[in-house]
């Protein structure tokens, strides 16, 4: 009987870990009112590496890095703002601008390396550091990527620091309540640049 109970606990734990890492949403049942829906589109940001190719013109096949100001430079058309935009939006703008020089030539834009968006997990977690958001990420999922909280952490007083319009916004996260299926409104989707602080 004890062995059966032990296996049941282990299975439940493994299932929870799989849910966290797979990005299944919502994490604990139906979305609560007030939750913000995640936008599944990928938005470009600084340090991302793009490959831009104009069909049948090797001189216009370039790899470009998104600069800190959110722009890239491309022959004939100069600077293009790409930060916060999708690959398709950028492709359409470049294609429209370059049409005057190279008419009727299809253009492709591919992401070669993703270096943004990033979130930071610091404090009393197993692996503090910088994590790339390859998909929409909730607070508890970011903590899982960082290996989880340590036994000495103040898990009920976790903070999310977000910069908005040049000001820092502080949001609280109570790990114990969220882990027990309560206060799920605290388990928000993180935005690029957010810092999760575990005291």
N, C-alpha and C. Protein backbone atom coordinates (compact mmCIF):
# COMPACT_ATOMS: atom_id res chain seq x y z
N UNK A 1 0.83 -1.21 0.00
CA UNK A 1 0.00 0.00 0.00
C UNK A 1 0.86 1.25 0.00
N UNK A 2 1.92 1.23 0.86
CA UNK A 2 2.82 2.38 0.95
C UNK A 2 3.55 2.58 -0.37
N UNK A 3 3.96 1.44 -1.00
CA UNK A 3 4.68 1.52 -2.27
C UNK A 3 3.80 2.15 -3.34
N UNK A 4 2.51 1.80 -3.36
CA UNK A 4 1.58 2.34 -4.34
C UNK A 4 1.42 3.85 -4.15
N UNK A 5 1.34 4.28 -2.89
CA UNK A 5 1.21 5.70 -2.58
C UNK A 5 2.46 6.45 -3.00
N UNK A 6 3.62 5.83 -2.77
CA UNK A 6 4.90 6.45 -3.15
C UNK A 6 4.96 6.68 -4.67
N UNK A 7 4.58 5.64 -5.45
CA UNK A 7 4.60 5.77 -6.90
C UNK A 7 3.60 6.83 -7.38
N UNK A 8 2.48 6.93 -6.69
CA UNK A 8 1.48 7.94 -7.05
C UNK A 8 2.01 9.34 -6.86
N UNK A 9 2.74 9.57 -5.75
CA UNK A 9 3.33 10.88 -5.47
C UNK A 9 4.39 11.21 -6.51
N UNK A 10 5.25 10.21 -6.83
CA UNK A 10 6.31 10.43 -7.81
C UNK A 10 5.71 10.76 -9.17
N UNK A 11 4.67 10.05 -9.58
CA UNK A 11 4.02 10.31 -10.87
C UNK A 11 3.44 11.72 -10.92
N UNK A 12 2.80 12.15 -9.82
CA UNK A 12 2.21 13.49 -9.77
C UNK A 12 3.29 14.56 -9.90
N UNK A 13 4.42 14.32 -9.22
CA UNK A 13 5.53 15.28 -9.28
C UNK A 13 6.10 15.38 -10.69
N UNK A 14 6.33 14.24 -11.34
CA UNK A 14 6.86 14.22 -12.70
C UNK A 14 5.89 14.89 -13.67
N UNK A 15 4.60 14.67 -13.50
CA UNK A 15 3.60 15.26 -14.37
C UNK A 15 3.60 16.78 -14.24
N UNK A 16 3.76 17.27 -12.99
CA UNK A 16 3.82 18.72 -12.76
C UNK A 16 5.03 19.34 -13.44
N UNK A 17 6.17 18.64 -13.34
CA UNK A 17 7.40 19.15 -13.98
C UNK A 17 7.24 19.21 -15.49
N UNK A 18 6.62 18.17 -16.07
CA UNK A 18 6.40 18.15 -17.52
C UNK A 18 5.52 19.30 -17.95
N UNK A 19 4.48 19.59 -17.16
CA UNK A 19 3.59 20.71 -17.49
C UNK A 19 4.33 22.03 -17.47
N UNK A 20 5.17 22.20 -16.45
CA UNK A 20 5.91 23.47 -16.32
C UNK A 20 6.83 23.66 -17.50
N UNK A 21 7.59 22.63 -17.87
CA UNK A 21 8.59 22.76 -18.93
C UNK A 21 7.97 22.78 -20.33
N UNK A 22 6.79 22.22 -20.47
CA UNK A 22 6.18 22.18 -21.80
C UNK A 22 5.47 23.46 -22.15
N UNK A 23 5.32 24.34 -21.18
CA UNK A 23 4.67 25.62 -21.45
C UNK A 23 3.17 25.48 -21.60
N UNK A 24 2.56 24.37 -21.09
CA UNK A 24 1.13 24.20 -21.17
C UNK A 24 0.46 25.32 -20.41
N UNK A 25 -0.55 25.91 -21.00
CA UNK A 25 -1.27 26.96 -20.30
C UNK A 25 -2.74 26.71 -20.46
N UNK A 26 -3.52 26.99 -19.42
CA UNK A 26 -3.09 27.48 -18.11
C UNK A 26 -2.46 26.38 -17.27
N UNK A 27 -1.66 26.74 -16.28
CA UNK A 27 -0.91 25.78 -15.49
C UNK A 27 -1.81 25.05 -14.50
N UNK A 28 -2.82 25.76 -13.98
CA UNK A 28 -3.70 25.15 -12.98
C UNK A 28 -5.15 25.33 -13.39
N UNK A 29 -5.55 24.69 -14.47
CA UNK A 29 -6.94 24.75 -14.86
C UNK A 29 -7.25 25.98 -15.70
N UNK A 30 -8.50 26.41 -15.65
CA UNK A 30 -8.96 27.49 -16.52
C UNK A 30 -8.32 28.82 -16.17
N UNK A 31 -8.19 29.66 -17.18
CA UNK A 31 -7.64 30.99 -16.96
C UNK A 31 -8.59 31.78 -16.06
N UNK A 32 -8.02 32.49 -15.11
CA UNK A 32 -8.82 33.33 -14.26
C UNK A 32 -9.05 34.66 -14.95
N UNK A 33 -10.13 35.31 -14.60
CA UNK A 33 -10.43 36.62 -15.15
C UNK A 33 -9.31 37.58 -14.81
N UNK A 34 -8.87 38.35 -15.78
CA UNK A 34 -7.80 39.29 -15.51
C UNK A 34 -6.46 38.83 -16.05
N UNK A 35 -6.37 37.58 -16.43
CA UNK A 35 -5.11 37.09 -17.02
C UNK A 35 -4.94 37.68 -18.40
N UNK A 36 -3.71 37.97 -18.75
CA UNK A 36 -3.40 38.50 -20.06
C UNK A 36 -3.05 37.36 -20.99
N UNK A 37 -3.68 37.31 -22.14
CA UNK A 37 -3.38 36.25 -23.10
C UNK A 37 -2.00 36.46 -23.69
N UNK A 38 -1.28 35.37 -23.87
CA UNK A 38 0.06 35.46 -24.46
C UNK A 38 -0.06 35.60 -25.96
N UNK A 39 0.80 36.43 -26.52
CA UNK A 39 0.88 36.54 -27.96
C UNK A 39 1.94 35.57 -28.43
N UNK A 40 1.53 34.58 -29.23
CA UNK A 40 2.44 33.51 -29.61
C UNK A 40 3.43 33.95 -30.69
N UNK A 41 3.24 35.16 -31.26
CA UNK A 41 4.18 35.62 -32.28
C UNK A 41 5.51 36.00 -31.65
N UNK A 42 6.59 35.80 -32.43
CA UNK A 42 7.92 36.15 -31.95
C UNK A 42 8.25 37.56 -32.39
N UNK A 43 8.70 38.38 -31.45
CA UNK A 43 9.07 39.75 -31.74
C UNK A 43 10.59 39.89 -31.70
N UNK A 44 11.13 40.54 -32.71
CA UNK A 44 12.57 40.72 -32.81
C UNK A 44 13.08 41.73 -31.79
N UNK A 45 14.36 41.57 -31.43
CA UNK A 45 14.97 42.48 -30.47
C UNK A 45 16.47 42.56 -30.66
N UNK A 46 17.13 43.44 -29.91
CA UNK A 46 18.58 43.62 -30.03
C UNK A 46 19.36 42.32 -29.92
N UNK A 47 20.41 42.22 -30.74
CA UNK A 47 21.33 41.09 -30.79
C UNK A 47 20.81 39.89 -31.56
N UNK A 48 19.55 39.91 -32.00
CA UNK A 48 19.06 38.84 -32.86
C UNK A 48 19.83 38.90 -34.19
N UNK A 49 20.14 37.74 -34.74
CA UNK A 49 20.85 37.67 -36.02
C UNK A 49 19.88 37.25 -37.12
N UNK A 50 19.79 38.07 -38.17
CA UNK A 50 18.87 37.81 -39.27
C UNK A 50 19.66 37.55 -40.56
N UNK A 51 19.08 36.73 -41.41
CA UNK A 51 19.61 36.55 -42.76
C UNK A 51 18.57 37.04 -43.74
N UNK A 52 18.96 38.03 -44.55
CA UNK A 52 18.05 38.62 -45.52
C UNK A 52 18.56 38.29 -46.91
N UNK A 53 17.69 37.71 -47.73
CA UNK A 53 18.09 37.27 -49.08
C UNK A 53 17.12 37.81 -50.12
N UNK A 54 17.67 38.42 -51.15
CA UNK A 54 16.88 38.84 -52.30
C UNK A 54 17.14 37.86 -53.43
N UNK A 55 16.10 37.26 -53.93
CA UNK A 55 16.22 36.20 -54.94
C UNK A 55 16.97 36.69 -56.17
N UNK A 56 17.91 35.88 -56.60
CA UNK A 56 18.65 36.12 -57.83
C UNK A 56 19.58 37.33 -57.75
N UNK A 57 19.99 37.72 -56.54
CA UNK A 57 20.94 38.82 -56.39
C UNK A 57 21.83 38.55 -55.18
N UNK A 58 22.98 37.91 -55.43
CA UNK A 58 23.87 37.51 -54.33
C UNK A 58 24.43 38.69 -53.55
N UNK A 59 24.52 39.86 -54.18
CA UNK A 59 25.05 41.04 -53.48
C UNK A 59 24.07 41.53 -52.42
N UNK A 60 22.83 41.07 -52.48
CA UNK A 60 21.82 41.48 -51.51
C UNK A 60 21.43 40.33 -50.58
N UNK A 61 22.36 39.39 -50.40
CA UNK A 61 22.17 38.33 -49.42
C UNK A 61 23.09 38.63 -48.23
N UNK A 62 22.50 39.05 -47.10
CA UNK A 62 23.29 39.53 -45.98
C UNK A 62 22.80 38.94 -44.65
N UNK A 63 23.76 38.76 -43.74
CA UNK A 63 23.42 38.48 -42.34
C UNK A 63 23.62 39.77 -41.57
N UNK A 64 22.59 40.16 -40.81
CA UNK A 64 22.66 41.42 -40.07
C UNK A 64 22.24 41.18 -38.62
N UNK A 65 22.89 41.93 -37.72
CA UNK A 65 22.57 41.84 -36.29
C UNK A 65 21.73 43.05 -35.91
N UNK A 66 20.68 42.82 -35.15
CA UNK A 66 19.85 43.94 -34.67
C UNK A 66 20.67 44.74 -33.66
N UNK A 67 20.83 46.02 -33.93
CA UNK A 67 21.64 46.88 -33.08
C UNK A 67 20.91 47.22 -31.78
N UNK A 68 21.64 47.78 -30.78
CA UNK A 68 20.98 48.16 -29.52
C UNK A 68 19.85 49.17 -29.69
N UNK A 69 19.90 49.97 -30.80
CA UNK A 69 18.81 50.92 -31.04
C UNK A 69 17.62 50.27 -31.73
N UNK A 70 17.69 48.93 -31.92
CA UNK A 70 16.56 48.20 -32.49
C UNK A 70 16.50 48.22 -34.00
N UNK A 71 17.56 48.73 -34.67
CA UNK A 71 17.54 48.84 -36.11
C UNK A 71 18.57 47.91 -36.77
N UNK A 72 18.37 47.68 -38.06
CA UNK A 72 19.37 46.98 -38.87
C UNK A 72 19.68 47.88 -40.08
N UNK A 73 20.82 47.62 -40.70
CA UNK A 73 21.18 48.34 -41.92
C UNK A 73 21.22 47.35 -43.07
N UNK A 74 20.68 47.79 -44.23
CA UNK A 74 20.65 46.91 -45.40
C UNK A 74 20.96 47.74 -46.65
N UNK A 75 21.73 47.15 -47.59
CA UNK A 75 22.11 47.89 -48.79
C UNK A 75 20.90 48.49 -49.53
N UNK A 76 21.11 49.64 -50.10
CA UNK A 76 20.15 50.39 -50.92
C UNK A 76 19.09 51.12 -50.10
N UNK A 77 18.65 50.54 -48.99
CA UNK A 77 17.53 51.16 -48.26
C UNK A 77 17.93 51.74 -46.91
N UNK A 78 19.16 51.48 -46.45
CA UNK A 78 19.62 52.06 -45.20
C UNK A 78 19.06 51.37 -43.97
N UNK A 79 18.71 52.16 -42.94
CA UNK A 79 18.27 51.62 -41.66
C UNK A 79 16.78 51.25 -41.67
N UNK A 80 16.48 50.15 -40.98
CA UNK A 80 15.10 49.70 -40.82
C UNK A 80 14.89 49.35 -39.35
N UNK A 81 13.84 49.88 -38.74
CA UNK A 81 13.52 49.56 -37.36
C UNK A 81 12.86 48.19 -37.31
N UNK A 82 13.44 47.26 -36.53
CA UNK A 82 12.88 45.90 -36.46
C UNK A 82 12.46 45.51 -35.04
N UNK A 83 12.99 46.19 -34.05
CA UNK A 83 12.68 45.82 -32.66
C UNK A 83 11.18 45.91 -32.39
N UNK A 84 10.66 44.85 -31.75
CA UNK A 84 9.24 44.82 -31.40
C UNK A 84 8.33 44.45 -32.55
N UNK A 85 8.93 44.05 -33.67
CA UNK A 85 8.14 43.68 -34.84
C UNK A 85 8.35 42.21 -35.18
N UNK A 86 7.42 41.63 -35.93
CA UNK A 86 7.55 40.24 -36.33
C UNK A 86 8.42 40.15 -37.57
N UNK A 87 8.90 38.94 -37.85
CA UNK A 87 9.73 38.70 -39.03
C UNK A 87 8.95 39.06 -40.30
N UNK A 88 7.69 38.71 -40.34
CA UNK A 88 6.88 38.98 -41.54
C UNK A 88 6.69 40.48 -41.75
N UNK A 89 6.49 41.23 -40.67
CA UNK A 89 6.35 42.69 -40.80
C UNK A 89 7.63 43.31 -41.36
N UNK A 90 8.77 42.83 -40.87
CA UNK A 90 10.06 43.33 -41.35
C UNK A 90 10.27 42.95 -42.82
N UNK A 91 9.94 41.72 -43.16
CA UNK A 91 10.10 41.26 -44.55
C UNK A 91 9.29 42.13 -45.50
N UNK A 92 8.04 42.43 -45.13
CA UNK A 92 7.18 43.23 -46.00
C UNK A 92 7.73 44.64 -46.19
N UNK A 93 8.23 45.25 -45.10
CA UNK A 93 8.76 46.61 -45.22
C UNK A 93 10.00 46.65 -46.11
N UNK A 94 10.93 45.70 -45.89
CA UNK A 94 12.15 45.69 -46.70
C UNK A 94 11.80 45.43 -48.17
N UNK A 95 10.89 44.50 -48.40
CA UNK A 95 10.49 44.18 -49.76
C UNK A 95 9.88 45.40 -50.45
N UNK A 96 9.04 46.14 -49.74
CA UNK A 96 8.42 47.34 -50.31
C UNK A 96 9.45 48.41 -50.63
N UNK A 97 10.44 48.58 -49.72
CA UNK A 97 11.45 49.62 -49.93
C UNK A 97 12.42 49.28 -51.04
N UNK A 98 12.75 47.99 -51.16
CA UNK A 98 13.77 47.59 -52.14
C UNK A 98 13.19 47.38 -53.53
N UNK A 99 11.87 47.39 -53.63
CA UNK A 99 11.20 47.15 -54.91
C UNK A 99 11.59 48.21 -55.95
N UNK A 100 11.88 49.43 -55.48
CA UNK A 100 12.25 50.50 -56.41
C UNK A 100 13.59 50.22 -57.08
N UNK A 101 14.44 49.42 -56.41
CA UNK A 101 15.76 49.11 -56.94
C UNK A 101 15.81 47.73 -57.60
N UNK A 102 15.07 46.79 -57.02
CA UNK A 102 15.08 45.42 -57.53
C UNK A 102 13.62 44.96 -57.66
N UNK A 103 12.97 45.32 -58.76
CA UNK A 103 11.55 44.97 -58.91
C UNK A 103 11.31 43.48 -59.10
N UNK A 104 10.19 43.03 -58.60
CA UNK A 104 9.74 41.64 -58.81
C UNK A 104 10.73 40.59 -58.34
N UNK A 105 11.44 40.88 -57.24
CA UNK A 105 12.36 39.89 -56.68
C UNK A 105 11.89 39.51 -55.28
N UNK A 106 11.47 38.26 -55.11
CA UNK A 106 11.03 37.83 -53.77
C UNK A 106 12.15 37.98 -52.74
N UNK A 107 11.77 38.29 -51.52
CA UNK A 107 12.73 38.52 -50.45
C UNK A 107 12.38 37.64 -49.26
N UNK A 108 13.39 37.06 -48.64
CA UNK A 108 13.16 36.25 -47.45
C UNK A 108 13.93 36.82 -46.27
N UNK A 109 13.35 36.70 -45.09
CA UNK A 109 14.02 37.08 -43.84
C UNK A 109 13.93 35.89 -42.90
N UNK A 110 15.10 35.43 -42.45
CA UNK A 110 15.14 34.29 -41.53
C UNK A 110 15.88 34.69 -40.26
N UNK A 111 15.42 34.15 -39.14
CA UNK A 111 16.11 34.36 -37.87
C UNK A 111 17.16 33.26 -37.73
N UNK A 112 18.44 33.64 -37.69
CA UNK A 112 19.53 32.68 -37.58
C UNK A 112 19.87 32.40 -36.12
N UNK A 113 19.83 33.45 -35.31
CA UNK A 113 20.14 33.28 -33.89
C UNK A 113 19.22 34.19 -33.07
N UNK A 114 18.61 33.60 -32.05
CA UNK A 114 17.76 34.37 -31.15
C UNK A 114 18.56 34.76 -29.92
N UNK A 115 18.75 36.04 -29.71
CA UNK A 115 19.44 36.51 -28.51
C UNK A 115 18.51 37.34 -27.63
N UNK A 116 17.33 37.52 -28.07
CA UNK A 116 16.33 38.22 -27.29
C UNK A 116 15.00 37.60 -27.65
N UNK A 117 13.97 37.76 -26.89
CA UNK A 117 13.90 38.50 -25.64
C UNK A 117 14.47 37.70 -24.47
N UNK A 118 14.88 38.40 -23.44
CA UNK A 118 15.48 37.75 -22.28
C UNK A 118 14.71 38.12 -21.01
N UNK A 119 14.77 37.20 -20.03
CA UNK A 119 14.33 37.51 -18.67
C UNK A 119 15.46 37.12 -17.73
N UNK A 120 15.47 37.73 -16.57
CA UNK A 120 16.53 37.51 -15.59
C UNK A 120 15.91 36.90 -14.33
N UNK A 121 16.53 35.83 -13.84
CA UNK A 121 16.10 35.21 -12.58
C UNK A 121 17.29 35.26 -11.64
N UNK A 122 17.14 35.99 -10.54
CA UNK A 122 18.26 36.20 -9.62
C UNK A 122 17.84 35.88 -8.19
N UNK A 123 18.84 35.74 -7.32
CA UNK A 123 18.57 35.47 -5.91
C UNK A 123 18.71 34.01 -5.57
N UNK A 124 17.87 33.54 -4.65
CA UNK A 124 18.00 32.19 -4.11
C UNK A 124 17.27 31.15 -4.95
N UNK A 125 17.82 30.96 -6.17
CA UNK A 125 17.37 29.87 -7.04
C UNK A 125 18.60 29.02 -7.35
N UNK A 126 18.37 27.82 -7.86
CA UNK A 126 19.49 26.89 -8.10
C UNK A 126 20.43 27.42 -9.18
N UNK A 127 19.86 27.99 -10.26
CA UNK A 127 20.69 28.46 -11.37
C UNK A 127 20.29 29.89 -11.76
N UNK A 128 20.70 30.88 -10.97
CA UNK A 128 20.38 32.27 -11.35
C UNK A 128 21.05 32.62 -12.67
N UNK A 129 20.40 33.45 -13.46
CA UNK A 129 21.01 33.83 -14.73
C UNK A 129 20.03 34.49 -15.67
N UNK A 130 20.47 34.57 -16.93
CA UNK A 130 19.69 35.18 -18.00
C UNK A 130 19.10 34.06 -18.85
N UNK A 131 17.79 34.14 -19.13
CA UNK A 131 17.12 33.09 -19.89
C UNK A 131 16.41 33.69 -21.11
N UNK A 132 16.63 33.08 -22.27
CA UNK A 132 15.97 33.53 -23.49
C UNK A 132 14.55 33.00 -23.53
N UNK A 133 13.61 33.88 -23.87
CA UNK A 133 12.20 33.49 -23.95
C UNK A 133 11.92 32.97 -25.36
N UNK A 134 12.03 31.69 -25.52
CA UNK A 134 11.76 31.10 -26.84
C UNK A 134 10.26 30.92 -27.06
N UNK A 135 9.47 31.13 -26.01
CA UNK A 135 8.01 31.04 -26.07
C UNK A 135 7.45 31.86 -24.92
N UNK A 136 6.13 32.14 -24.92
CA UNK A 136 5.55 32.86 -23.79
C UNK A 136 5.87 32.14 -22.47
N UNK A 137 6.24 32.92 -21.46
CA UNK A 137 6.77 32.34 -20.22
C UNK A 137 6.08 32.97 -19.01
N UNK A 138 5.57 32.11 -18.13
CA UNK A 138 4.99 32.60 -16.87
C UNK A 138 6.08 32.62 -15.79
N UNK A 139 5.74 33.26 -14.67
CA UNK A 139 6.71 33.39 -13.58
C UNK A 139 7.16 32.02 -13.09
N UNK A 140 6.24 31.13 -12.84
CA UNK A 140 6.60 29.82 -12.28
C UNK A 140 7.42 29.00 -13.27
N UNK A 141 7.21 29.23 -14.56
CA UNK A 141 8.00 28.53 -15.57
C UNK A 141 9.43 29.07 -15.59
N UNK A 142 9.57 30.39 -15.40
CA UNK A 142 10.92 30.97 -15.33
C UNK A 142 11.67 30.43 -14.12
N UNK A 143 10.99 30.28 -13.00
CA UNK A 143 11.61 29.71 -11.80
C UNK A 143 12.03 28.26 -12.06
N UNK A 144 11.22 27.53 -12.82
CA UNK A 144 11.57 26.14 -13.14
C UNK A 144 12.82 26.09 -14.02
N UNK A 145 12.92 27.02 -14.99
CA UNK A 145 14.11 27.07 -15.84
C UNK A 145 15.36 27.35 -15.01
N UNK A 146 15.19 28.11 -13.93
CA UNK A 146 16.32 28.44 -13.06
C UNK A 146 16.57 27.35 -12.02
N UNK A 147 15.97 26.19 -12.20
CA UNK A 147 16.21 25.06 -11.31
C UNK A 147 15.37 25.04 -10.06
N UNK A 148 14.47 26.02 -9.92
CA UNK A 148 13.62 26.08 -8.74
C UNK A 148 14.26 26.91 -7.62
N UNK A 149 13.47 27.17 -6.60
CA UNK A 149 13.95 27.96 -5.47
C UNK A 149 14.73 27.07 -4.50
N UNK A 150 15.60 27.70 -3.71
CA UNK A 150 16.39 26.95 -2.73
C UNK A 150 15.62 26.86 -1.41
N UNK A 151 16.01 25.94 -0.52
CA UNK A 151 15.31 25.79 0.76
C UNK A 151 15.42 27.04 1.65
N UNK A 152 16.39 27.90 1.38
CA UNK A 152 16.60 29.07 2.24
C UNK A 152 15.94 30.33 1.69
N UNK A 153 15.18 30.19 0.63
CA UNK A 153 14.56 31.37 0.02
C UNK A 153 13.29 31.78 0.76
N UNK A 154 12.95 33.04 0.62
CA UNK A 154 11.67 33.55 1.13
C UNK A 154 10.69 33.48 -0.04
N UNK A 155 10.19 32.29 -0.29
CA UNK A 155 9.43 32.02 -1.51
C UNK A 155 8.09 32.75 -1.59
N UNK A 156 7.62 33.25 -0.44
CA UNK A 156 6.33 33.94 -0.43
C UNK A 156 6.46 35.43 -0.70
N UNK A 157 7.69 35.89 -0.91
CA UNK A 157 7.92 37.32 -1.13
C UNK A 157 8.78 37.57 -2.37
N UNK A 158 8.53 36.77 -3.42
CA UNK A 158 9.25 36.93 -4.68
C UNK A 158 8.75 38.18 -5.39
N UNK A 159 9.67 38.88 -6.05
CA UNK A 159 9.32 40.12 -6.75
C UNK A 159 9.59 39.99 -8.25
N UNK A 160 8.73 40.62 -9.04
CA UNK A 160 8.98 40.77 -10.48
C UNK A 160 9.19 42.25 -10.73
N UNK A 161 10.35 42.60 -11.27
CA UNK A 161 10.66 44.00 -11.57
C UNK A 161 10.54 44.20 -13.07
N UNK A 162 9.73 45.19 -13.44
CA UNK A 162 9.48 45.47 -14.86
C UNK A 162 9.67 46.96 -15.13
N UNK A 163 10.33 47.27 -16.23
CA UNK A 163 10.52 48.68 -16.60
C UNK A 163 9.47 49.07 -17.62
N UNK A 164 8.71 50.11 -17.27
CA UNK A 164 7.67 50.62 -18.17
C UNK A 164 7.76 52.13 -18.24
N UNK A 165 7.92 52.65 -19.43
CA UNK A 165 8.00 54.09 -19.65
C UNK A 165 9.07 54.76 -18.79
N UNK A 166 10.22 54.07 -18.67
CA UNK A 166 11.33 54.65 -17.92
C UNK A 166 11.22 54.51 -16.42
N UNK A 167 10.18 53.84 -15.94
CA UNK A 167 10.01 53.65 -14.49
C UNK A 167 9.94 52.16 -14.17
N UNK A 168 10.39 51.83 -12.96
CA UNK A 168 10.35 50.44 -12.54
C UNK A 168 9.05 50.13 -11.81
N UNK A 169 8.44 49.03 -12.21
CA UNK A 169 7.19 48.57 -11.61
C UNK A 169 7.49 47.28 -10.85
N UNK A 170 7.00 47.18 -9.62
CA UNK A 170 7.24 46.00 -8.78
C UNK A 170 5.94 45.21 -8.61
N UNK A 171 6.01 43.91 -8.88
CA UNK A 171 4.86 43.02 -8.67
C UNK A 171 5.27 41.87 -7.76
N UNK A 172 4.38 41.46 -6.89
CA UNK A 172 4.69 40.41 -5.92
C UNK A 172 4.21 39.05 -6.42
N UNK A 173 4.93 38.03 -6.00
CA UNK A 173 4.59 36.65 -6.38
C UNK A 173 4.76 35.76 -5.16
N UNK A 174 3.66 35.14 -4.74
CA UNK A 174 3.66 34.24 -3.59
C UNK A 174 3.71 32.81 -4.10
N UNK A 175 4.90 32.22 -4.07
CA UNK A 175 5.11 30.89 -4.66
C UNK A 175 4.20 29.84 -4.04
N UNK A 176 4.09 29.85 -2.71
CA UNK A 176 3.31 28.81 -2.02
C UNK A 176 1.85 28.83 -2.44
N UNK A 177 1.28 30.02 -2.53
CA UNK A 177 -0.14 30.13 -2.90
C UNK A 177 -0.37 29.71 -4.34
N UNK A 178 0.51 30.14 -5.24
CA UNK A 178 0.36 29.77 -6.65
C UNK A 178 0.55 28.25 -6.82
N UNK A 179 1.54 27.69 -6.12
CA UNK A 179 1.79 26.25 -6.21
C UNK A 179 0.61 25.44 -5.70
N UNK A 180 -0.20 26.04 -4.82
CA UNK A 180 -1.38 25.37 -4.28
C UNK A 180 -2.65 25.71 -5.06
N UNK A 181 -2.47 26.36 -6.21
CA UNK A 181 -3.63 26.67 -7.05
C UNK A 181 -4.39 27.90 -6.64
N UNK A 182 -3.76 28.75 -5.83
CA UNK A 182 -4.42 29.99 -5.38
C UNK A 182 -3.65 31.19 -5.93
N UNK A 183 -4.30 32.36 -5.90
CA UNK A 183 -3.67 33.61 -6.36
C UNK A 183 -3.02 33.44 -7.74
N UNK A 184 -3.72 32.74 -8.64
CA UNK A 184 -3.15 32.48 -9.96
C UNK A 184 -2.96 33.74 -10.79
N UNK A 185 -3.63 34.83 -10.40
CA UNK A 185 -3.44 36.08 -11.12
C UNK A 185 -2.01 36.61 -10.97
N UNK A 186 -1.29 36.10 -9.95
CA UNK A 186 0.11 36.50 -9.77
C UNK A 186 1.05 35.79 -10.76
N UNK A 187 0.60 34.68 -11.29
CA UNK A 187 1.43 33.90 -12.21
C UNK A 187 1.32 34.48 -13.63
N UNK A 188 1.79 35.71 -13.77
CA UNK A 188 1.63 36.46 -15.01
C UNK A 188 2.61 35.99 -16.08
N UNK A 189 2.33 36.37 -17.32
CA UNK A 189 3.29 36.17 -18.39
C UNK A 189 4.36 37.24 -18.26
N UNK A 190 5.61 36.83 -18.31
CA UNK A 190 6.71 37.77 -18.22
C UNK A 190 6.90 38.49 -19.54
N UNK A 191 7.45 39.69 -19.46
CA UNK A 191 7.78 40.46 -20.65
C UNK A 191 9.29 40.53 -20.79
N UNK A 192 9.78 40.70 -22.02
CA UNK A 192 11.24 40.80 -22.20
C UNK A 192 11.84 41.89 -21.31
N UNK A 193 12.94 41.52 -20.62
CA UNK A 193 13.60 42.47 -19.73
C UNK A 193 13.16 42.37 -18.28
N UNK A 194 12.11 41.59 -18.00
CA UNK A 194 11.66 41.42 -16.62
C UNK A 194 12.73 40.73 -15.79
N UNK A 195 12.77 41.08 -14.51
CA UNK A 195 13.69 40.43 -13.56
C UNK A 195 12.88 39.81 -12.44
N UNK A 196 13.08 38.51 -12.21
CA UNK A 196 12.43 37.82 -11.10
C UNK A 196 13.44 37.71 -9.98
N UNK A 197 13.09 38.28 -8.82
CA UNK A 197 14.00 38.33 -7.68
C UNK A 197 13.48 37.41 -6.58
N UNK A 198 14.29 36.43 -6.20
CA UNK A 198 13.91 35.49 -5.13
C UNK A 198 14.77 35.80 -3.91
N UNK A 199 14.19 36.44 -2.87
CA UNK A 199 14.99 36.83 -1.69
C UNK A 199 15.37 35.63 -0.81
